């Protein structure tokens, strides 16, 4: 039996029984509607965040550029993460929520597909790259910007159903 066709080891589907990395075969899985939401937090001074929200940072429209970067990144996730499948993404939304007092910009990415595998990696990639684009756009004003708490918030669809991050713990529910 070829290595790629051998069973996973210890529940890690991207490892063969021999421990070799493999791309999971999803050919027999049904196509279902799937969705994932991820977030990243960009921390900066309140002054820098005010520039971002006003849309007059030295490099221009920070949030517009970051939104576009996140969308493009989601679409190219399979080119960046070696064992991800190319997916037919049907929707991508990138949103921002600012807390000027704390100097914190939250990036949220929601990705949808109707396919054989989930879009968690696409949502995480979109949130991460949008946050990186924010950093790139404001680094001339503030070099000390940090990106924190990149995490999956929820996912739905597929055999495992719905999962949502809870307060302090995660929970899964069947659909």
C-alpha atoms as a PDB file:
ATOM      1  CA  UNK A   1       0.000   0.000   0.000  1.00  0.00           C
ATOM      2  CA  UNK A   2       1.462   3.435  -0.884  1.00  0.00           C
ATOM      3  CA  UNK A   3       2.348   5.608   2.075  1.00  0.00           C
ATOM      4  CA  UNK A   4      -0.271   8.221   1.175  1.00  0.00           C
ATOM      5  CA  UNK A   5      -3.037   5.623   1.361  1.00  0.00           C
ATOM      6  CA  UNK A   6      -2.073   4.265   4.790  1.00  0.00           C
ATOM      7  CA  UNK A   7      -4.133   5.101   7.850  1.00  0.00           C
ATOM      8  CA  UNK A   8      -3.439   8.063  10.113  1.00  0.00           C
ATOM      9  CA  UNK A   9      -1.461   7.655  13.306  1.00  0.00           C
ATOM     10  CA  UNK A  10      -2.821   8.656  16.744  1.00  0.00           C
ATOM     11  CA  UNK A  11      -5.722  10.634  15.238  1.00  0.00           C
ATOM     12  CA  UNK A  12      -3.381  12.976  13.369  1.00  0.00           C
ATOM     13  CA  UNK A  13      -4.838  12.762   9.881  1.00  0.00           C
ATOM     14  CA  UNK A  14      -1.858  14.416   8.195  1.00  0.00           C
ATOM     15  CA  UNK A  15       0.482  11.636   9.359  1.00  0.00           C
ATOM     16  CA  UNK A  16       0.603   8.145   7.894  1.00  0.00           C
ATOM     17  CA  UNK A  17       0.904   5.115  10.181  1.00  0.00           C
ATOM     18  CA  UNK A  18       4.656   5.392   9.601  1.00  0.00           C
ATOM     19  CA  UNK A  19       4.677   9.033  10.709  1.00  0.00           C
ATOM     20  CA  UNK A  20       5.151  10.452   7.208  1.00  0.00           C
ATOM     21  CA  UNK A  21       3.426  13.720   6.313  1.00  0.00           C
ATOM     22  CA  UNK A  22       0.596  13.209   3.855  1.00  0.00           C
ATOM     23  CA  UNK A  23      -2.238  15.108   2.266  1.00  0.00           C
ATOM     24  CA  UNK A  24      -5.509  13.576   3.458  1.00  0.00           C
ATOM     25  CA  UNK A  25      -7.546  11.888   0.723  1.00  0.00           C
ATOM     26  CA  UNK A  26     -10.977  13.562   0.747  1.00  0.00           C
ATOM     27  CA  UNK A  27     -12.228  12.058  -2.526  1.00  0.00           C
ATOM     28  CA  UNK A  28     -14.981   9.972  -0.880  1.00  0.00           C
ATOM     29  CA  UNK A  29     -16.190  12.696   1.492  1.00  0.00           C
ATOM     30  CA  UNK A  30     -19.446  14.470   0.621  1.00  0.00           C
ATOM     31  CA  UNK A  31     -19.477  18.148  -0.220  1.00  0.00           C
ATOM     32  CA  UNK A  32     -21.161  20.144   2.532  1.00  0.00           C
ATOM     33  CA  UNK A  33     -21.562  23.817   3.376  1.00  0.00           C
ATOM     34  CA  UNK A  34     -18.694  24.792   5.652  1.00  0.00           C
ATOM     35  CA  UNK A  35     -17.773  27.997   7.423  1.00  0.00           C
ATOM     36  CA  UNK A  36     -15.004  29.145   9.748  1.00  0.00           C
ATOM     37  CA  UNK A  37     -14.365  32.337  11.695  1.00  0.00           C
ATOM     38  CA  UNK A  38     -10.929  33.364  12.974  1.00  0.00           C
ATOM     39  CA  UNK A  39      -9.511  36.419  14.638  1.00  0.00           C
ATOM     40  CA  UNK A  40      -6.238  38.231  15.245  1.00  0.00           C
ATOM     41  CA  UNK A  41      -5.620  41.163  17.560  1.00  0.00           C
ATOM     42  CA  UNK A  42      -3.303  44.006  16.530  1.00  0.00           C
ATOM     43  CA  UNK A  43      -2.007  46.084  19.439  1.00  0.00           C
ATOM     44  CA  UNK A  44      -0.737  49.632  18.939  1.00  0.00           C
ATOM     45  CA  UNK A  45      -0.880  52.987  20.650  1.00  0.00           C
ATOM     46  CA  UNK A  46      -4.260  54.729  20.772  1.00  0.00           C
ATOM     47  CA  UNK A  47      -2.784  57.518  18.625  1.00  0.00           C
ATOM     48  CA  UNK A  48      -1.859  55.052  15.854  1.00  0.00           C
ATOM     49  CA  UNK A  49      -5.253  53.389  16.012  1.00  0.00           C
ATOM     50  CA  UNK A  50      -6.949  56.776  15.637  1.00  0.00           C
ATOM     51  CA  UNK A  51      -4.957  57.307  12.412  1.00  0.00           C
ATOM     52  CA  UNK A  52      -6.024  53.868  11.168  1.00  0.00           C
ATOM     53  CA  UNK A  53      -9.695  54.491  11.909  1.00  0.00           C
ATOM     54  CA  UNK A  54      -9.630  57.971  10.372  1.00  0.00           C
ATOM     55  CA  UNK A  55      -8.242  56.509   7.146  1.00  0.00           C
ATOM     56  CA  UNK A  56      -5.400  59.029   6.941  1.00  0.00           C
ATOM     57  CA  UNK A  57      -2.307  56.998   7.838  1.00  0.00           C
ATOM     58  CA  UNK A  58       0.821  57.963   5.856  1.00  0.00           C
ATOM     59  CA  UNK A  59       0.457  54.935   3.530  1.00  0.00           C
ATOM     60  CA  UNK A  60      -3.285  55.443   2.994  1.00  0.00           C
ATOM     61  CA  UNK A  61      -6.349  53.315   3.729  1.00  0.00           C
ATOM     62  CA  UNK A  62      -4.992  50.766   6.218  1.00  0.00           C
ATOM     63  CA  UNK A  63      -8.221  48.827   6.645  1.00  0.00           C
ATOM     64  CA  UNK A  64      -8.972  48.679   2.915  1.00  0.00           C
ATOM     65  CA  UNK A  65      -5.532  47.300   2.153  1.00  0.00           C
ATOM     66  CA  UNK A  66      -5.700  44.858   5.077  1.00  0.00           C
ATOM     67  CA  UNK A  67      -9.158  43.625   3.982  1.00  0.00           C
ATOM     68  CA  UNK A  68      -7.887  42.980   0.447  1.00  0.00           C
ATOM     69  CA  UNK A  69      -4.750  41.249   1.754  1.00  0.00           C
ATOM     70  CA  UNK A  70      -6.851  38.963   3.956  1.00  0.00           C
ATOM     71  CA  UNK A  71      -9.141  38.013   1.081  1.00  0.00           C
ATOM     72  CA  UNK A  72      -6.219  37.245  -1.224  1.00  0.00           C
ATOM     73  CA  UNK A  73      -4.482  35.225   1.494  1.00  0.00           C
ATOM     74  CA  UNK A  74      -7.545  33.051   2.125  1.00  0.00           C
ATOM     75  CA  UNK A  75      -7.726  32.246  -1.579  1.00  0.00           C
ATOM     76  CA  UNK A  76      -4.055  31.193  -1.627  1.00  0.00           C
ATOM     77  CA  UNK A  77      -3.876  29.233   1.630  1.00  0.00           C
ATOM     78  CA  UNK A  78      -3.204  25.962  -0.182  1.00  0.00           C
ATOM     79  CA  UNK A  79      -0.086  27.562  -1.693  1.00  0.00           C
ATOM     80  CA  UNK A  80       1.220  28.566   1.752  1.00  0.00           C
ATOM     81  CA  UNK A  81       0.313  25.604   3.976  1.00  0.00           C
ATOM     82  CA  UNK A  82       1.753  22.457   2.377  1.00  0.00           C
ATOM     83  CA  UNK A  83      -0.964  19.928   3.251  1.00  0.00           C
ATOM     84  CA  UNK A  84      -4.035  22.115   2.649  1.00  0.00           C
ATOM     85  CA  UNK A  85      -6.371  21.307  -0.215  1.00  0.00           C
ATOM     86  CA  UNK A  86      -7.265  23.960  -2.784  1.00  0.00           C
ATOM     87  CA  UNK A  87     -10.895  24.849  -2.041  1.00  0.00           C
ATOM     88  CA  UNK A  88     -13.713  26.527  -3.915  1.00  0.00           C
ATOM     89  CA  UNK A  89     -14.251  29.419  -1.561  1.00  0.00           C
ATOM     90  CA  UNK A  90     -17.742  30.874  -1.898  1.00  0.00           C
ATOM     91  CA  UNK A  91     -17.424  33.835   0.462  1.00  0.00           C
ATOM     92  CA  UNK A  92     -14.881  35.801   2.480  1.00  0.00           C
ATOM     93  CA  UNK A  93     -15.647  38.650   4.859  1.00  0.00           C
ATOM     94  CA  UNK A  94     -12.973  40.548   6.749  1.00  0.00           C
ATOM     95  CA  UNK A  95     -14.128  42.885   9.503  1.00  0.00           C
ATOM     96  CA  UNK A  96     -12.408  45.190  11.973  1.00  0.00           C
ATOM     97  CA  UNK A  97     -13.325  46.340  15.459  1.00  0.00           C
ATOM     98  CA  UNK A  98     -11.243  49.011  17.176  1.00  0.00           C
ATOM     99  CA  UNK A  99     -10.878  49.824  20.851  1.00  0.00           C
ATOM    100  CA  UNK A 100      -9.030  53.151  20.830  1.00  0.00           C
ATOM    101  CA  UNK A 101      -8.701  53.354  24.614  1.00  0.00           C
ATOM    102  CA  UNK A 102      -6.803  50.034  24.662  1.00  0.00           C
ATOM    103  CA  UNK A 103      -5.047  50.606  21.315  1.00  0.00           C
ATOM    104  CA  UNK A 104      -6.412  47.332  20.035  1.00  0.00           C
ATOM    105  CA  UNK A 105      -7.717  46.462  16.570  1.00  0.00           C
ATOM    106  CA  UNK A 106      -9.479  43.118  16.225  1.00  0.00           C
ATOM    107  CA  UNK A 107      -9.452  41.513  12.788  1.00  0.00           C
ATOM    108  CA  UNK A 108     -12.145  38.917  12.128  1.00  0.00           C
ATOM    109  CA  UNK A 109     -12.210  36.698   9.049  1.00  0.00           C
ATOM    110  CA  UNK A 110     -15.228  34.608   8.005  1.00  0.00           C
ATOM    111  CA  UNK A 111     -14.702  32.130   5.159  1.00  0.00           C
ATOM    112  CA  UNK A 112     -17.340  29.932   3.477  1.00  0.00           C
ATOM    113  CA  UNK A 113     -17.259  27.058   1.017  1.00  0.00           C
ATOM    114  CA  UNK A 114     -19.267  24.109  -0.224  1.00  0.00           C
ATOM    115  CA  UNK A 115     -16.573  21.465  -0.423  1.00  0.00           C
ATOM    116  CA  UNK A 116     -15.154  18.223   1.005  1.00  0.00           C
ATOM    117  CA  UNK A 117     -12.988  19.746   3.717  1.00  0.00           C
ATOM    118  CA  UNK A 118     -13.169  22.727   6.048  1.00  0.00           C
ATOM    119  CA  UNK A 119     -11.988  26.317   5.739  1.00  0.00           C
ATOM    120  CA  UNK A 120     -10.401  26.764   9.178  1.00  0.00           C
ATOM    121  CA  UNK A 121      -6.923  27.268   7.735  1.00  0.00           C
ATOM    122  CA  UNK A 122      -8.257  29.780   5.198  1.00  0.00           C
ATOM    123  CA  UNK A 123      -9.931  31.820   7.963  1.00  0.00           C
ATOM    124  CA  UNK A 124      -6.798  31.725  10.143  1.00  0.00           C
ATOM    125  CA  UNK A 125      -4.612  32.706   7.183  1.00  0.00           C
ATOM    126  CA  UNK A 126      -6.939  35.569   6.246  1.00  0.00           C
ATOM    127  CA  UNK A 127      -6.966  36.984   9.796  1.00  0.00           C
ATOM    128  CA  UNK A 128      -3.189  36.630  10.119  1.00  0.00           C
ATOM    129  CA  UNK A 129      -2.327  38.248   6.801  1.00  0.00           C
ATOM    130  CA  UNK A 130      -4.829  41.079   7.314  1.00  0.00           C
ATOM    131  CA  UNK A 131      -3.127  41.756  10.670  1.00  0.00           C
ATOM    132  CA  UNK A 132       0.294  41.684   8.977  1.00  0.00           C
ATOM    133  CA  UNK A 133      -0.948  44.165   6.380  1.00  0.00           C
ATOM    134  CA  UNK A 134      -2.060  46.507   9.184  1.00  0.00           C
ATOM    135  CA  UNK A 135       1.440  46.286  10.636  1.00  0.00           C
ATOM    136  CA  UNK A 136       2.997  47.001   7.248  1.00  0.00           C
ATOM    137  CA  UNK A 137       0.768  50.034   6.730  1.00  0.00           C
ATOM    138  CA  UNK A 138       1.504  51.604  10.142  1.00  0.00           C
ATOM    139  CA  UNK A 139       5.138  50.667  10.756  1.00  0.00           C
ATOM    140  CA  UNK A 140       6.295  54.098   9.576  1.00  0.00           C
ATOM    141  CA  UNK A 141       4.287  55.616  12.437  1.00  0.00           C
ATOM    142  CA  UNK A 142       4.874  52.920  15.073  1.00  0.00           C
ATOM    143  CA  UNK A 143       7.336  50.025  14.949  1.00  0.00           C
ATOM    144  CA  UNK A 144       6.195  48.486  18.254  1.00  0.00           C
ATOM    145  CA  UNK A 145       2.889  47.146  16.930  1.00  0.00           C
ATOM    146  CA  UNK A 146       2.238  43.531  17.943  1.00  0.00           C
ATOM    147  CA  UNK A 147      -0.041  40.831  16.613  1.00  0.00           C
ATOM    148  CA  UNK A 148      -1.573  38.542  19.214  1.00  0.00           C
ATOM    149  CA  UNK A 149      -4.236  35.912  19.856  1.00  0.00           C
ATOM    150  CA  UNK A 150      -4.595  34.492  16.357  1.00  0.00           C
ATOM    151  CA  UNK A 151      -7.262  31.856  16.906  1.00  0.00           C
ATOM    152  CA  UNK A 152     -10.169  29.967  15.438  1.00  0.00           C
ATOM    153  CA  UNK A 153     -13.450  31.189  16.929  1.00  0.00           C
ATOM    154  CA  UNK A 154     -15.861  28.768  15.308  1.00  0.00           C
ATOM    155  CA  UNK A 155     -16.390  26.338  12.464  1.00  0.00           C
ATOM    156  CA  UNK A 156     -19.363  24.498  11.051  1.00  0.00           C
ATOM    157  CA  UNK A 157     -20.052  21.784   8.511  1.00  0.00           C
ATOM    158  CA  UNK A 158     -18.616  18.414   7.719  1.00  0.00           C
ATOM    159  CA  UNK A 159     -18.677  15.230   9.778  1.00  0.00           C
ATOM    160  CA  UNK A 160     -17.531  16.901  12.998  1.00  0.00           C
ATOM    161  CA  UNK A 161     -20.339  19.471  12.842  1.00  0.00           C
ATOM    162  CA  UNK A 162     -20.250  22.745  14.694  1.00  0.00           C
ATOM    163  CA  UNK A 163     -17.478  23.872  17.040  1.00  0.00           C
ATOM    164  CA  UNK A 164     -17.373  27.160  18.895  1.00  0.00           C
ATOM    165  CA  UNK A 165     -14.717  28.552  21.220  1.00  0.00           C
ATOM    166  CA  UNK A 166     -16.222  28.960  24.657  1.00  0.00           C
ATOM    167  CA  UNK A 167     -15.152  31.022  27.616  1.00  0.00           C
ATOM    168  CA  UNK A 168     -11.873  29.435  28.602  1.00  0.00           C
ATOM    169  CA  UNK A 169     -12.706  26.119  26.928  1.00  0.00           C
ATOM    170  CA  UNK A 170     -13.821  24.812  23.584  1.00  0.00           C
ATOM    171  CA  UNK A 171     -17.001  22.896  22.918  1.00  0.00           C
ATOM    172  CA  UNK A 172     -18.215  20.782  20.020  1.00  0.00           C
ATOM    173  CA  UNK A 173     -21.785  20.058  19.068  1.00  0.00           C
ATOM    174  CA  UNK A 174     -23.086  17.720  16.411  1.00  0.00           C
ATOM    175  CA  UNK A 175     -25.199  19.146  13.605  1.00  0.00           C
END
